[in-house]
Each structure stands twice: as structure tokens, then as C-alpha cells.
Amino acid sequence: MNKNVALKYRVIQNYKQYNQYCEILESLLEENKQTIQIEDEIDLLTVLIEKYDDEQTTQSALDPVQLLYSFMADQNMNASDLSKKLDVGKSYLSEILNYKKSFPKEIIRRLATLFNVKQEAFNREYLLRTQKITNPGKTKHASNKSHTYSVNEKMIHKNVQEEKEVYAIKKSKQKVKAKVKAKI
């Protein structure tokens, strides 16, 4: 057994490698001549991509407010700019950004469109300052108890890139799966 054999593909370690493998897979799927070797390569790349995707989507994600802050920072947008783009009042948006109100469904739709992500990115449970747990679009006040905590700015931006990669991965995976299904 030769120990110096270099592997063509390895377990995916980062988003850059993930994108490279997705591009390779897409080009293999588009080839007119499918050999056994190409089919094996397609199978292997599909397994590696799905494994990475599963690992990334199970990681803890930013809550919707943190995610919104990260998108705002990436686009050098302040709350005033965002309130104009969403066509909502500054004070109303401030209550959302300060964990006092949950995202209403219409705002979730507008945010998803504005930042080109799925609505699920903003439609997740998270803690509010005056409530125990909220489900966006529904208001449930906690009885006689309030949960208060401060939002640490560093925490808000801590895993921003990873969170965006998770959503990009989901989109890429859907595109690759559609191409795989189309070939079958």
C-alpha cells in the first residue's frame, strides 16, 4: 500500500473549500459524457457537500436580531436607514433592535427580500427583554416574570460570517440538489 497517494478530495473544512467542491460538482453534472469515474466523483462530492452542510446547519446560529445587526453592519446601514427601507418608524424598529418587540411577519418578509435570505432567517424564536421566549409574529407575555439581559455588541458580530455561510450553504445545496435531480 502506497502511503504517499494524494487524495483528490478531502473532508470539507471551510466555506471556501465547500464552494470549490460545489463548483466542481456543478461542472461534472453539466458534462455530456458521464463515465463511471465521473459518476463516482459526483457521488463522493455530493456526500462531502451534504456532510459539511449538515455540520454547518446544526451549529448554533445568531438570533434574528443579531443577524439583522450583522446585515446592517455589512451594508454600512444604521437603524434610521433601515427604518426607511422597511417603511417603518424609527422608534418601532428601535424596539425590535433592543429586544422589546418581536419581528412581525410583514417585517420578516421585507427583511428577507432586502437582504436576499429566506424568511426563516428572521422567523425563529429568541428571547425578548420583557418576555420569556417569543415566536416571531406572535406575542406571548410572560406572567409575572421578565427576562432582562444586555446585548453585547461583540457577541452580535462574533459569528456573523459563519451565520451568512450557513444561509449561503443552504442556497447552494438546494441548487446542487436541483441539478442532481435534473440529471437523474
Protein backbone atom coordinates (compact mmCIF):
# COMPACT_ATOMS: atom_id res chain seq x y z
CA MET A 1 0.00 0.00 0.00
CA ASN A 2 1.45 3.32 -1.09
CA LYS A 3 1.22 5.85 1.77
CA ASN A 4 2.15 8.80 -0.45
CA VAL A 5 -1.01 8.76 -2.57
CA ALA A 6 -2.63 12.18 -2.57
CA LEU A 7 -6.41 12.21 -2.33
CA LYS A 8 -8.27 14.20 -4.93
CA TYR A 9 -10.96 15.23 -2.42
CA ARG A 10 -10.83 15.63 1.34
CA VAL A 11 -13.39 16.26 4.04
CA ILE A 12 -14.57 19.87 3.66
CA GLN A 13 -13.05 22.11 6.34
CA ASN A 14 -14.25 25.60 5.38
CA TYR A 15 -16.66 27.58 3.25
CA LYS A 16 -14.08 28.32 0.53
CA GLN A 17 -13.45 24.59 0.05
CA TYR A 18 -17.21 24.00 0.12
CA ASN A 19 -17.73 26.48 -2.73
CA GLN A 20 -14.91 24.91 -4.75
CA TYR A 21 -16.46 21.46 -4.40
CA CYS A 22 -19.91 22.81 -5.34
CA GLU A 23 -18.47 24.36 -8.50
CA ILE A 24 -16.68 21.11 -9.38
CA LEU A 25 -19.87 19.14 -8.78
CA GLU A 26 -21.90 21.51 -10.94
CA SER A 27 -19.40 21.24 -13.79
CA LEU A 28 -19.39 17.43 -13.53
CA LEU A 29 -23.18 17.39 -13.63
CA GLU A 30 -23.15 19.51 -16.78
CA GLU A 31 -20.79 17.16 -18.65
CA ASN A 32 -22.47 15.35 -21.50
CA LYS A 33 -20.34 12.23 -21.21
CA GLN A 34 -20.90 10.51 -17.86
CA THR A 35 -18.33 7.80 -17.18
CA ILE A 36 -18.24 5.53 -14.14
CA GLN A 37 -15.37 7.61 -12.78
CA ILE A 38 -17.35 10.85 -13.16
CA GLU A 39 -20.41 9.27 -11.54
CA ASP A 40 -18.24 8.14 -8.60
CA GLU A 41 -16.82 11.65 -8.33
CA ILE A 42 -20.34 13.10 -8.32
CA ASP A 43 -21.37 10.67 -5.58
CA LEU A 44 -18.31 11.45 -3.46
CA LEU A 45 -18.66 15.21 -3.84
CA THR A 46 -22.36 15.00 -3.00
CA VAL A 47 -21.59 13.10 0.22
CA LEU A 48 -18.84 15.56 1.20
CA ILE A 49 -21.03 18.59 0.47
CA GLU A 50 -24.02 17.17 2.35
CA LYS A 51 -21.83 16.25 5.34
CA TYR A 52 -20.44 19.78 5.54
CA ASP A 53 -23.88 21.28 5.09
CA ASP A 54 -25.32 19.13 7.88
CA GLU A 55 -22.48 20.10 10.22
CA GLN A 56 -22.87 23.80 9.47
CA THR A 57 -26.63 23.94 9.83
CA THR A 58 -26.55 22.21 13.22
CA GLN A 59 -24.23 24.84 14.69
CA SER A 60 -25.84 27.41 16.92
CA ALA A 61 -26.96 30.35 14.88
CA LEU A 62 -27.28 34.02 15.66
CA ASP A 63 -30.68 35.07 16.87
CA PRO A 64 -32.71 37.11 14.34
CA VAL A 65 -31.80 40.48 15.90
CA GLN A 66 -28.09 39.64 15.90
CA LEU A 67 -28.38 38.53 12.29
CA LEU A 68 -30.10 41.79 11.39
CA TYR A 69 -27.32 43.77 13.09
CA SER A 70 -24.76 41.82 11.07
CA PHE A 71 -26.50 42.53 7.77
CA MET A 72 -26.79 46.20 8.71
CA ALA A 73 -23.07 46.37 9.53
CA ASP A 74 -22.12 44.70 6.25
CA GLN A 75 -24.08 47.29 4.30
CA ASN A 76 -22.95 50.22 6.49
CA MET A 77 -26.57 50.79 7.36
CA ASN A 78 -27.81 52.40 10.56
CA ALA A 79 -31.24 51.97 12.15
CA SER A 80 -32.52 55.14 10.52
CA ASP A 81 -31.54 53.90 7.06
CA LEU A 82 -33.15 50.53 7.73
CA SER A 83 -36.38 52.07 9.01
CA LYS A 84 -36.68 53.98 5.73
CA LYS A 85 -36.01 50.88 3.62
CA LEU A 86 -38.56 48.87 5.62
CA ASP A 87 -41.04 51.75 5.70
CA VAL A 88 -41.44 51.58 9.49
CA GLY A 89 -40.99 54.14 12.23
CA LYS A 90 -37.58 54.57 13.87
CA SER A 91 -38.96 54.02 17.36
CA TYR A 92 -40.74 50.82 16.28
CA LEU A 93 -37.55 49.47 14.72
CA SER A 94 -35.62 50.50 17.82
CA GLU A 95 -37.92 48.37 19.96
CA ILE A 96 -37.19 45.38 17.72
CA LEU A 97 -33.43 46.03 17.74
CA ASN A 98 -33.46 46.38 21.53
CA TYR A 99 -35.30 43.09 22.06
CA LYS A 100 -38.50 44.76 23.25
CA LYS A 101 -40.71 43.61 20.36
CA SER A 102 -40.62 40.59 18.11
CA PHE A 103 -40.46 40.72 14.33
CA PRO A 104 -43.94 40.90 12.81
CA LYS A 105 -44.48 38.72 9.77
CA GLU A 106 -44.58 41.65 7.34
CA ILE A 107 -41.21 42.95 8.59
CA ILE A 108 -39.79 39.42 8.28
CA ARG A 109 -40.89 39.36 4.64
CA ARG A 110 -39.37 42.76 3.94
CA LEU A 111 -36.08 41.88 5.65
CA ALA A 112 -35.82 38.60 3.74
CA THR A 113 -36.33 40.46 0.47
CA LEU A 114 -33.98 43.31 1.39
CA PHE A 115 -31.11 41.03 2.45
CA ASN A 116 -31.87 38.23 -0.03
CA VAL A 117 -32.29 35.46 2.54
CA LYS A 118 -35.08 33.07 3.37
CA GLN A 119 -37.74 34.29 5.81
CA GLU A 120 -36.69 31.53 8.21
CA ALA A 121 -33.54 33.53 8.97
CA PHE A 122 -35.64 36.05 10.88
CA ASN A 123 -38.57 33.81 11.78
CA ARG A 124 -37.02 31.97 14.73
CA GLU A 125 -37.56 32.01 18.48
CA TYR A 126 -35.40 34.33 20.56
CA LEU A 127 -35.51 35.99 23.97
CA LEU A 128 -37.04 39.43 24.48
CA ARG A 129 -36.27 41.70 27.38
CA THR A 130 -39.83 41.72 28.70
CA GLN A 131 -40.80 38.19 27.70
CA LYS A 132 -39.52 34.71 28.27
CA ILE A 133 -39.46 33.38 24.69
CA THR A 134 -41.06 34.71 21.60
CA ASN A 135 -42.15 33.17 18.37
CA PRO A 136 -41.96 35.91 15.70
CA GLY A 137 -45.34 37.08 14.55
CA LYS A 138 -46.97 36.04 17.82
CA THR A 139 -46.78 37.89 21.12
CA LYS A 140 -46.77 35.89 24.34
CA HIS A 141 -46.23 37.89 27.51
CA ALA A 142 -44.62 36.09 30.40
CA SER A 143 -46.68 36.02 33.53
CA ASN A 144 -45.16 37.96 36.44
CA LYS A 145 -41.63 37.28 35.19
CA SER A 146 -39.42 39.28 32.93
CA HIS A 147 -36.10 38.31 31.48
CA THR A 148 -33.60 41.12 31.12
CA TYR A 149 -30.17 40.94 29.60
CA SER A 150 -27.90 43.25 27.71
CA VAL A 151 -26.85 42.62 24.16
CA ASN A 152 -23.10 42.56 23.92
CA GLU A 153 -22.01 44.28 20.70
CA LYS A 154 -19.09 41.90 20.27
CA MET A 155 -21.43 38.94 20.62
CA ILE A 156 -23.69 40.39 17.94
CA HIS A 157 -20.89 40.48 15.39
CA LYS A 158 -18.95 37.46 16.68
CA ASN A 159 -20.10 34.75 14.30
CA VAL A 160 -21.54 36.90 11.55
CA GLN A 161 -19.53 35.34 8.73
CA GLU A 162 -20.37 31.81 9.88
CA GLU A 163 -24.07 32.64 10.02
CA LYS A 164 -24.05 34.02 6.50
CA GLU A 165 -22.14 30.97 5.31
CA VAL A 166 -24.87 28.75 6.73
CA TYR A 167 -27.51 30.53 4.64
CA ALA A 168 -25.28 30.54 1.58
CA ILE A 169 -24.70 26.82 2.08
CA LYS A 170 -28.43 26.16 2.22
CA LYS A 171 -28.94 28.06 -1.03
CA SER A 172 -26.03 26.28 -2.73
CA LYS A 173 -27.21 22.90 -1.52
CA GLN A 174 -30.68 23.49 -2.93
CA LYS A 175 -29.17 24.49 -6.28
CA VAL A 176 -26.91 21.41 -6.38
CA LYS A 177 -29.76 19.08 -5.36
CA ALA A 178 -31.94 20.51 -8.12
CA LYS A 179 -29.19 19.85 -10.67
CA VAL A 180 -28.63 16.33 -9.35
CA LYS A 181 -32.37 15.60 -9.59
CA ALA A 182 -32.46 17.04 -13.10
CA LYS A 183 -29.67 14.65 -14.17
CA ILE A 184 -31.48 11.65 -12.69
